[in-house]
Amino acid sequence: MSKVASTRRAFLTGNTLRETGHYYPPGVTDESVRNCSGCGGCAEVCPTKIITVRSRVPIVDFKVGECTFCGNCSKRCPERVFPPEPAASFTHHAVITGTCLALNFVDCQACRDACPTTAIRFKPRLGGPFVPVLDTDPCTGCGACISVCPTQSITMTANTTEVAHA
C-alpha cells in the first residue's frame, strides 16, 4: 500500500494517529513542532523516558510507559514548541481493539489496573470474563494502558467533536 493511500484513508477515517503511530508530547501541534531545533532537552528531562527525538522532532513512545503530564518537557524547551502552560491531556484517546484478551475469553484487566483516571472499566459478561469498556471523557491519552497490554491491543485515535447519528 502506498503512503499516499494510507494517508488519504487515515484522513478520511480520522485515524491519522493510528496510521502513523507517532505522537507528539502533550500540547505540541503540527504547527508548533516546526519551531523544534531537535535539541533533545525535552527527552532528557522526561521522568518516564517516553520522549525521543527522531528527525529533529519530539515523539512519544507509549510502549515504553505513560505520560504523567509533569510539564518538565515544556519547561525545558528553549523554543516555542510547547504551550505556555503544560497540557493536562493529549488530543487523542485510547481504543481497545478486537485482539484484547478479555474480548477473546481470556481474563485480563491489566489496562484497567494501569489507568490513572479509571477511564477503563470492566463489565460482566455471561459465560466469560469481564469485558473492557472505555469512557473517552476521562481518558487523557496518557498511554498507561498501552505499555501494560500483553497483546498490544490498545491504540490511540484522535478526539473528535462529531456527533454520531443513530
N, C-alpha and C. Protein backbone atom coordinates (compact mmCIF):
# COMPACT_ATOMS: atom_id res chain seq x y z
N MET A 1 0.85 -1.17 0.00
CA MET A 1 0.00 0.00 0.00
C MET A 1 0.89 1.24 0.00
N SER A 2 0.57 2.19 -0.81
CA SER A 2 1.38 3.39 -0.89
C SER A 2 1.13 4.30 0.30
N LYS A 3 2.11 5.14 0.57
CA LYS A 3 1.99 6.08 1.67
C LYS A 3 0.85 7.06 1.43
N VAL A 4 0.65 7.45 0.18
CA VAL A 4 -0.43 8.39 -0.15
C VAL A 4 -1.78 7.77 0.16
N ALA A 5 -2.00 6.53 -0.24
CA ALA A 5 -3.27 5.86 0.02
C ALA A 5 -3.50 5.71 1.51
N SER A 6 -2.45 5.36 2.24
CA SER A 6 -2.56 5.21 3.68
C SER A 6 -2.90 6.55 4.34
N THR A 7 -2.27 7.62 3.90
CA THR A 7 -2.53 8.93 4.46
C THR A 7 -3.95 9.38 4.12
N ARG A 8 -4.39 9.16 2.91
CA ARG A 8 -5.73 9.55 2.49
C ARG A 8 -6.77 8.80 3.31
N ARG A 9 -6.58 7.50 3.47
CA ARG A 9 -7.52 6.71 4.27
C ARG A 9 -7.54 7.20 5.70
N ALA A 10 -6.37 7.48 6.26
CA ALA A 10 -6.29 7.97 7.63
C ALA A 10 -7.02 9.29 7.77
N PHE A 11 -6.85 10.17 6.80
CA PHE A 11 -7.53 11.46 6.84
C PHE A 11 -9.05 11.29 6.80
N LEU A 12 -9.53 10.46 5.89
CA LEU A 12 -10.97 10.28 5.72
C LEU A 12 -11.62 9.58 6.90
N THR A 13 -10.88 8.69 7.57
CA THR A 13 -11.45 7.98 8.71
C THR A 13 -11.14 8.67 10.03
N GLY A 14 -10.30 9.69 10.00
CA GLY A 14 -9.95 10.39 11.23
C GLY A 14 -8.95 9.65 12.09
N ASN A 15 -8.25 8.69 11.52
CA ASN A 15 -7.32 7.86 12.29
C ASN A 15 -5.87 8.14 11.94
N THR A 16 -5.49 9.39 11.80
CA THR A 16 -4.12 9.70 11.42
C THR A 16 -3.13 9.26 12.47
N LEU A 17 -3.48 9.34 13.73
CA LEU A 17 -2.55 8.90 14.77
C LEU A 17 -2.30 7.41 14.68
N ARG A 18 -3.34 6.65 14.50
CA ARG A 18 -3.19 5.20 14.41
C ARG A 18 -2.38 4.81 13.19
N GLU A 19 -2.58 5.52 12.09
CA GLU A 19 -1.87 5.19 10.85
C GLU A 19 -0.38 5.47 10.96
N THR A 20 0.00 6.60 11.53
CA THR A 20 1.42 6.95 11.59
C THR A 20 2.10 6.31 12.78
N GLY A 21 1.37 6.12 13.88
CA GLY A 21 1.97 5.54 15.07
C GLY A 21 2.85 6.53 15.83
N HIS A 22 2.85 7.79 15.43
CA HIS A 22 3.66 8.81 16.09
C HIS A 22 2.77 9.76 16.87
N TYR A 23 3.25 10.13 18.04
CA TYR A 23 2.52 11.04 18.90
C TYR A 23 3.48 12.11 19.38
N TYR A 24 3.05 13.35 19.36
CA TYR A 24 3.85 14.42 19.91
C TYR A 24 3.66 14.46 21.43
N PRO A 25 4.59 15.06 22.15
CA PRO A 25 4.37 15.27 23.59
C PRO A 25 3.12 16.14 23.81
N PRO A 26 2.57 16.14 25.01
CA PRO A 26 1.32 16.86 25.24
C PRO A 26 1.45 18.36 24.93
N GLY A 27 0.46 18.86 24.20
CA GLY A 27 0.41 20.28 23.85
C GLY A 27 1.13 20.64 22.56
N VAL A 28 1.95 19.74 22.04
CA VAL A 28 2.69 20.00 20.81
C VAL A 28 1.77 19.74 19.62
N THR A 29 1.80 20.63 18.66
CA THR A 29 0.96 20.50 17.47
C THR A 29 1.82 20.41 16.22
N ASP A 30 1.19 20.12 15.09
CA ASP A 30 1.91 20.09 13.81
C ASP A 30 2.55 21.44 13.53
N GLU A 31 1.88 22.50 13.91
CA GLU A 31 2.43 23.85 13.68
C GLU A 31 3.57 24.17 14.64
N SER A 32 3.38 23.90 15.93
CA SER A 32 4.40 24.27 16.91
C SER A 32 5.67 23.44 16.78
N VAL A 33 5.55 22.20 16.31
CA VAL A 33 6.72 21.34 16.21
C VAL A 33 7.70 21.86 15.15
N ARG A 34 7.23 22.71 14.27
CA ARG A 34 8.11 23.32 13.27
C ARG A 34 9.17 24.21 13.91
N ASN A 35 8.91 24.66 15.13
CA ASN A 35 9.86 25.50 15.87
C ASN A 35 10.95 24.68 16.56
N CYS A 36 10.83 23.36 16.54
CA CYS A 36 11.76 22.49 17.26
C CYS A 36 13.11 22.42 16.55
N SER A 37 14.18 22.62 17.33
CA SER A 37 15.53 22.51 16.78
C SER A 37 16.08 21.09 16.91
N GLY A 38 15.36 20.24 17.65
CA GLY A 38 15.82 18.87 17.85
C GLY A 38 16.89 18.74 18.91
N CYS A 39 16.94 19.69 19.84
CA CYS A 39 18.00 19.70 20.86
C CYS A 39 17.92 18.49 21.81
N GLY A 40 16.72 17.95 22.01
CA GLY A 40 16.56 16.78 22.88
C GLY A 40 16.41 17.10 24.35
N GLY A 41 16.31 18.36 24.69
CA GLY A 41 16.14 18.74 26.09
C GLY A 41 14.90 18.13 26.72
N CYS A 42 13.83 18.08 25.95
CA CYS A 42 12.58 17.51 26.47
C CYS A 42 12.75 16.03 26.80
N ALA A 43 13.48 15.32 25.98
CA ALA A 43 13.71 13.89 26.21
C ALA A 43 14.60 13.67 27.43
N GLU A 44 15.57 14.53 27.64
CA GLU A 44 16.48 14.39 28.78
C GLU A 44 15.76 14.51 30.12
N VAL A 45 14.75 15.38 30.20
CA VAL A 45 14.09 15.63 31.49
C VAL A 45 12.81 14.82 31.69
N CYS A 46 12.42 14.02 30.71
CA CYS A 46 11.19 13.22 30.85
C CYS A 46 11.42 12.12 31.89
N PRO A 47 10.66 12.15 33.00
CA PRO A 47 10.90 11.16 34.06
C PRO A 47 10.54 9.73 33.67
N THR A 48 9.63 9.56 32.73
CA THR A 48 9.26 8.20 32.31
C THR A 48 9.99 7.76 31.04
N LYS A 49 10.83 8.64 30.50
CA LYS A 49 11.68 8.35 29.34
C LYS A 49 10.89 7.93 28.09
N ILE A 50 9.69 8.50 27.93
CA ILE A 50 8.88 8.16 26.76
C ILE A 50 9.12 9.10 25.58
N ILE A 51 9.82 10.20 25.80
CA ILE A 51 10.09 11.15 24.71
C ILE A 51 11.44 10.82 24.08
N THR A 52 11.42 10.73 22.76
CA THR A 52 12.64 10.59 21.99
C THR A 52 12.58 11.64 20.88
N VAL A 53 13.72 11.94 20.30
CA VAL A 53 13.75 12.88 19.19
C VAL A 53 14.15 12.11 17.94
N ARG A 54 13.26 12.12 16.95
CA ARG A 54 13.51 11.44 15.68
C ARG A 54 13.39 12.47 14.57
N SER A 55 14.42 12.56 13.76
CA SER A 55 14.45 13.53 12.66
C SER A 55 14.16 14.94 13.16
N ARG A 56 14.75 15.27 14.30
CA ARG A 56 14.63 16.60 14.92
C ARG A 56 13.22 16.93 15.38
N VAL A 57 12.43 15.90 15.67
CA VAL A 57 11.05 16.08 16.13
C VAL A 57 10.82 15.25 17.39
N PRO A 58 10.25 15.84 18.46
CA PRO A 58 9.97 15.06 19.67
C PRO A 58 8.78 14.13 19.45
N ILE A 59 8.98 12.86 19.77
CA ILE A 59 7.96 11.83 19.60
C ILE A 59 7.79 11.10 20.93
N VAL A 60 6.56 10.75 21.25
CA VAL A 60 6.26 10.00 22.46
C VAL A 60 6.04 8.54 22.09
N ASP A 61 6.68 7.63 22.83
CA ASP A 61 6.53 6.20 22.61
C ASP A 61 5.83 5.59 23.82
N PHE A 62 4.53 5.33 23.68
CA PHE A 62 3.76 4.79 24.78
C PHE A 62 4.06 3.33 25.09
N LYS A 63 4.79 2.66 24.23
CA LYS A 63 5.18 1.28 24.53
C LYS A 63 6.20 1.25 25.66
N VAL A 64 6.87 2.38 25.90
CA VAL A 64 7.88 2.49 26.95
C VAL A 64 7.22 2.78 28.30
N GLY A 65 6.15 3.58 28.28
CA GLY A 65 5.49 3.97 29.52
C GLY A 65 4.42 5.00 29.27
N GLU A 66 4.08 5.72 30.32
CA GLU A 66 2.99 6.69 30.23
C GLU A 66 3.48 8.12 30.44
N CYS A 67 2.68 9.06 30.01
CA CYS A 67 2.95 10.47 30.27
C CYS A 67 2.26 10.85 31.58
N THR A 68 3.00 11.47 32.47
CA THR A 68 2.42 11.88 33.75
C THR A 68 2.01 13.35 33.75
N PHE A 69 2.19 14.04 32.62
CA PHE A 69 1.85 15.45 32.47
C PHE A 69 2.55 16.31 33.51
N CYS A 70 3.80 15.97 33.78
CA CYS A 70 4.58 16.70 34.78
C CYS A 70 4.97 18.10 34.31
N GLY A 71 5.06 18.29 32.99
CA GLY A 71 5.41 19.59 32.44
C GLY A 71 6.89 19.85 32.32
N ASN A 72 7.73 18.88 32.69
CA ASN A 72 9.18 19.07 32.60
C ASN A 72 9.62 19.34 31.17
N CYS A 73 9.02 18.66 30.21
CA CYS A 73 9.39 18.86 28.81
C CYS A 73 9.09 20.29 28.36
N SER A 74 7.97 20.78 28.78
CA SER A 74 7.57 22.15 28.42
C SER A 74 8.50 23.18 29.04
N LYS A 75 8.86 22.97 30.29
CA LYS A 75 9.74 23.92 31.00
C LYS A 75 11.14 23.92 30.41
N ARG A 76 11.60 22.78 29.96
CA ARG A 76 12.97 22.65 29.47
C ARG A 76 13.16 23.15 28.04
N CYS A 77 12.10 23.21 27.27
CA CYS A 77 12.19 23.54 25.85
C CYS A 77 12.60 24.99 25.62
N PRO A 78 13.71 25.23 24.90
CA PRO A 78 14.16 26.59 24.64
C PRO A 78 13.41 27.27 23.48
N GLU A 79 12.68 26.49 22.69
CA GLU A 79 11.92 27.06 21.59
C GLU A 79 10.44 27.16 21.97
N ARG A 80 9.63 27.63 21.04
CA ARG A 80 8.19 27.75 21.28
C ARG A 80 7.48 26.53 20.70
N VAL A 81 7.81 25.35 21.22
CA VAL A 81 7.22 24.11 20.75
C VAL A 81 6.04 23.72 21.63
N PHE A 82 6.17 23.90 22.91
CA PHE A 82 5.14 23.53 23.88
C PHE A 82 4.30 24.75 24.23
N PRO A 83 3.06 24.54 24.69
CA PRO A 83 2.23 25.68 25.10
C PRO A 83 2.78 26.31 26.38
N PRO A 84 2.43 27.58 26.65
CA PRO A 84 2.95 28.26 27.86
C PRO A 84 2.62 27.51 29.15
N GLU A 85 1.43 26.96 29.23
CA GLU A 85 1.04 26.17 30.39
C GLU A 85 1.08 24.69 30.00
N PRO A 86 1.66 23.82 30.82
CA PRO A 86 1.72 22.40 30.47
C PRO A 86 0.32 21.82 30.22
N ALA A 87 0.21 21.01 29.20
CA ALA A 87 -1.07 20.37 28.87
C ALA A 87 -1.39 19.28 29.88
N ALA A 88 -2.69 19.08 30.13
CA ALA A 88 -3.13 18.06 31.08
C ALA A 88 -3.71 16.84 30.38
N SER A 89 -3.71 16.88 29.04
CA SER A 89 -4.19 15.74 28.28
C SER A 89 -3.70 15.86 26.85
N PHE A 90 -3.83 14.78 26.11
CA PHE A 90 -3.49 14.75 24.70
C PHE A 90 -4.75 15.02 23.87
N THR A 91 -4.59 15.17 22.58
CA THR A 91 -5.74 15.35 21.69
C THR A 91 -6.16 14.01 21.09
N HIS A 92 -5.92 12.95 21.80
CA HIS A 92 -6.33 11.61 21.39
C HIS A 92 -6.76 10.83 22.62
N HIS A 93 -7.40 9.70 22.38
CA HIS A 93 -7.80 8.81 23.48
C HIS A 93 -7.56 7.36 23.06
N ALA A 94 -7.59 6.51 24.04
CA ALA A 94 -7.32 5.09 23.80
C ALA A 94 -8.50 4.41 23.10
N VAL A 95 -8.16 3.34 22.38
CA VAL A 95 -9.15 2.49 21.73
C VAL A 95 -8.71 1.05 21.97
N ILE A 96 -9.63 0.23 22.41
CA ILE A 96 -9.34 -1.19 22.66
C ILE A 96 -9.77 -1.98 21.43
N THR A 97 -8.83 -2.70 20.84
CA THR A 97 -9.12 -3.42 19.59
C THR A 97 -9.61 -4.85 19.87
N GLY A 98 -10.02 -5.51 18.83
CA GLY A 98 -10.59 -6.86 18.93
C GLY A 98 -9.62 -7.94 19.35
N THR A 99 -8.32 -7.66 19.39
CA THR A 99 -7.36 -8.67 19.82
C THR A 99 -7.18 -8.69 21.34
N CYS A 100 -7.93 -7.87 22.04
CA CYS A 100 -7.88 -7.82 23.51
C CYS A 100 -8.18 -9.21 24.08
N LEU A 101 -7.38 -9.64 25.04
CA LEU A 101 -7.57 -10.96 25.65
C LEU A 101 -8.96 -11.12 26.24
N ALA A 102 -9.43 -10.11 26.97
CA ALA A 102 -10.74 -10.21 27.61
C ALA A 102 -11.86 -10.35 26.59
N LEU A 103 -11.72 -9.71 25.44
CA LEU A 103 -12.73 -9.84 24.39
C LEU A 103 -12.69 -11.23 23.75
N ASN A 104 -11.58 -11.93 23.95
CA ASN A 104 -11.40 -13.27 23.40
C ASN A 104 -11.43 -14.35 24.48
N PHE A 105 -12.18 -14.09 25.54
CA PHE A 105 -12.46 -15.04 26.62
C PHE A 105 -11.24 -15.46 27.43
N VAL A 106 -10.28 -14.55 27.57
CA VAL A 106 -9.13 -14.77 28.45
C VAL A 106 -9.14 -13.65 29.48
N ASP A 107 -9.13 -13.99 30.75
CA ASP A 107 -9.23 -12.99 31.79
C ASP A 107 -7.97 -12.12 31.85
N CYS A 108 -8.13 -10.84 31.65
CA CYS A 108 -7.04 -9.87 31.74
C CYS A 108 -7.65 -8.51 32.02
N GLN A 109 -7.10 -7.81 32.99
CA GLN A 109 -7.57 -6.46 33.29
C GLN A 109 -6.39 -5.54 33.56
N ALA A 110 -5.27 -5.81 32.89
CA ALA A 110 -4.06 -5.02 33.10
C ALA A 110 -4.26 -3.55 32.77
N CYS A 111 -5.01 -3.26 31.71
CA CYS A 111 -5.22 -1.86 31.32
C CYS A 111 -6.02 -1.11 32.37
N ARG A 112 -7.01 -1.75 32.93
CA ARG A 112 -7.81 -1.12 33.97
C ARG A 112 -6.94 -0.78 35.18
N ASP A 113 -6.10 -1.71 35.56
CA ASP A 113 -5.25 -1.50 36.73
C ASP A 113 -4.25 -0.37 36.51
N ALA A 114 -3.83 -0.16 35.27
CA ALA A 114 -2.83 0.87 34.98
C ALA A 114 -3.42 2.25 34.75
N CYS A 115 -4.69 2.33 34.42
CA CYS A 115 -5.32 3.60 34.05
C CYS A 115 -5.45 4.54 35.25
N PRO A 116 -4.76 5.70 35.21
CA PRO A 116 -4.80 6.62 36.35
C PRO A 116 -6.11 7.37 36.51
N THR A 117 -6.94 7.41 35.46
CA THR A 117 -8.21 8.14 35.53
C THR A 117 -9.42 7.22 35.59
N THR A 118 -9.21 5.95 35.70
CA THR A 118 -10.26 4.91 35.68
C THR A 118 -11.18 5.06 34.47
N ALA A 119 -10.59 5.40 33.33
CA ALA A 119 -11.36 5.51 32.09
C ALA A 119 -11.70 4.13 31.54
N ILE A 120 -10.96 3.11 31.97
CA ILE A 120 -11.23 1.74 31.51
C ILE A 120 -11.84 0.96 32.66
N ARG A 121 -13.03 0.46 32.41
CA ARG A 121 -13.72 -0.36 33.39
C ARG A 121 -14.09 -1.67 32.74
N PHE A 122 -14.44 -2.64 33.54
CA PHE A 122 -14.82 -3.96 33.01
C PHE A 122 -16.22 -4.29 33.46
N LYS A 123 -17.04 -4.72 32.50
CA LYS A 123 -18.42 -5.09 32.83
C LYS A 123 -18.57 -6.60 32.72
N PRO A 124 -19.47 -7.17 33.51
CA PRO A 124 -19.67 -8.62 33.49
C PRO A 124 -20.21 -9.09 32.15
N ARG A 125 -19.84 -10.33 31.81
CA ARG A 125 -20.35 -10.98 30.61
C ARG A 125 -20.75 -12.39 31.01
N LEU A 126 -21.91 -12.79 30.58
CA LEU A 126 -22.41 -14.12 30.88
C LEU A 126 -21.54 -15.18 30.22
N GLY A 127 -21.00 -16.09 31.00
CA GLY A 127 -20.23 -17.20 30.47
C GLY A 127 -18.79 -16.89 30.13
N GLY A 128 -18.29 -15.77 30.58
CA GLY A 128 -16.91 -15.44 30.25
C GLY A 128 -16.37 -14.36 31.16
N PRO A 129 -15.11 -13.99 30.95
CA PRO A 129 -14.52 -12.94 31.79
C PRO A 129 -15.14 -11.58 31.48
N PHE A 130 -14.96 -10.67 32.38
CA PHE A 130 -15.47 -9.31 32.20
C PHE A 130 -14.85 -8.71 30.94
N VAL A 131 -15.56 -7.78 30.30
CA VAL A 131 -15.09 -7.16 29.06
C VAL A 131 -14.81 -5.67 29.30
N PRO A 132 -13.80 -5.14 28.62
CA PRO A 132 -13.43 -3.74 28.84
C PRO A 132 -14.41 -2.76 28.19
N VAL A 133 -14.63 -1.67 28.89
CA VAL A 133 -15.42 -0.55 28.38
C VAL A 133 -14.60 0.70 28.63
N LEU A 134 -14.35 1.46 27.58
CA LEU A 134 -13.53 2.65 27.71
C LEU A 134 -14.42 3.89 27.64
N ASP A 135 -14.31 4.74 28.64
CA ASP A 135 -15.03 6.02 28.67
C ASP A 135 -14.06 7.08 28.17
N THR A 136 -14.32 7.64 27.01
CA THR A 136 -13.39 8.59 26.40
C THR A 136 -13.33 9.93 27.12
N ASP A 137 -14.35 10.28 27.89
CA ASP A 137 -14.33 11.57 28.58
C ASP A 137 -13.19 11.70 29.60
N PRO A 138 -13.02 10.74 30.51
CA PRO A 138 -11.90 10.88 31.45
C PRO A 138 -10.54 10.46 30.88
N CYS A 139 -10.54 9.82 29.70
CA CYS A 139 -9.27 9.36 29.12
C CYS A 139 -8.44 10.57 28.69
N THR A 140 -7.23 10.66 29.23
CA THR A 140 -6.33 11.77 28.90
C THR A 140 -5.38 11.43 27.77
N GLY A 141 -5.39 10.17 27.33
CA GLY A 141 -4.48 9.73 26.28
C GLY A 141 -3.07 9.55 26.77
N CYS A 142 -2.89 9.34 28.07
CA CYS A 142 -1.56 9.27 28.68
C CYS A 142 -0.75 8.05 28.24
N GLY A 143 -1.43 7.00 27.79
CA GLY A 143 -0.73 5.81 27.30
C GLY A 143 -0.40 4.78 28.35
N ALA A 144 -0.85 4.96 29.58
CA ALA A 144 -0.54 3.99 30.64
C ALA A 144 -1.04 2.60 30.29
N CYS A 145 -2.14 2.52 29.60
CA CYS A 145 -2.73 1.23 29.24
C CYS A 145 -1.95 0.52 28.13
N ILE A 146 -1.28 1.27 27.28
CA ILE A 146 -0.58 0.67 26.14
C ILE A 146 0.61 -0.16 26.56
N SER A 147 1.43 0.37 27.44
CA SER A 147 2.66 -0.34 27.80
C SER A 147 2.41 -1.62 28.60
N VAL A 148 1.25 -1.73 29.26
CA VAL A 148 0.98 -2.92 30.07
C VAL A 148 0.17 -3.98 29.35
N CYS A 149 -0.35 -3.66 28.18
CA CYS A 149 -1.19 -4.61 27.45
C CYS A 149 -0.33 -5.74 26.87
N PRO A 150 -0.58 -6.99 27.27
CA PRO A 150 0.26 -8.09 26.81
C PRO A 150 0.09 -8.43 25.33
N THR A 151 -1.00 -7.99 24.71
CA THR A 151 -1.22 -8.29 23.29
C THR A 151 -1.17 -7.05 22.41
N GLN A 152 -0.75 -5.93 22.96
CA GLN A 152 -0.68 -4.66 22.22
C GLN A 152 -2.01 -4.37 21.52
N SER A 153 -3.09 -4.53 22.27
CA SER A 153 -4.44 -4.36 21.73
C SER A 153 -5.02 -2.98 21.95
N ILE A 154 -4.20 -2.05 22.39
CA ILE A 154 -4.71 -0.70 22.62
C ILE A 154 -3.95 0.26 21.73
N THR A 155 -4.70 1.07 21.02
CA THR A 155 -4.12 2.09 20.16
C THR A 155 -4.73 3.43 20.56
N MET A 156 -4.36 4.46 19.84
CA MET A 156 -4.92 5.79 20.08
C MET A 156 -5.64 6.27 18.83
N THR A 157 -6.63 7.09 19.03
CA THR A 157 -7.33 7.73 17.93
C THR A 157 -7.62 9.18 18.31
N ALA A 158 -7.67 10.03 17.33
CA ALA A 158 -7.87 11.45 17.57
C ALA A 158 -9.23 11.71 18.22
N ASN A 159 -9.25 12.65 19.17
CA ASN A 159 -10.52 13.08 19.74
C ASN A 159 -11.31 13.79 18.65
N THR A 160 -12.58 13.62 18.69
CA THR A 160 -13.44 14.28 17.70
C THR A 160 -14.64 14.87 18.40
N THR A 161 -15.15 15.93 17.83
CA THR A 161 -16.34 16.57 18.39
C THR A 161 -17.58 16.25 17.58
N GLU A 162 -17.43 15.33 16.60
CA GLU A 162 -18.58 14.96 15.78
C GLU A 162 -19.59 14.21 16.61
N VAL A 163 -20.85 14.41 16.29
CA VAL A 163 -21.93 13.70 16.96
C VAL A 163 -22.38 12.56 16.07
N ALA A 164 -22.42 11.38 16.65
CA ALA A 164 -22.86 10.21 15.88
C ALA A 164 -24.36 10.25 15.71
N HIS A 165 -24.82 9.91 14.54
CA HIS A 165 -26.26 9.87 14.27
C HIS A 165 -26.75 8.43 14.40
N ALA A 166 -27.83 8.27 15.10
CA ALA A 166 -28.36 6.92 15.31
C ALA A 166 -29.20 6.45 14.16
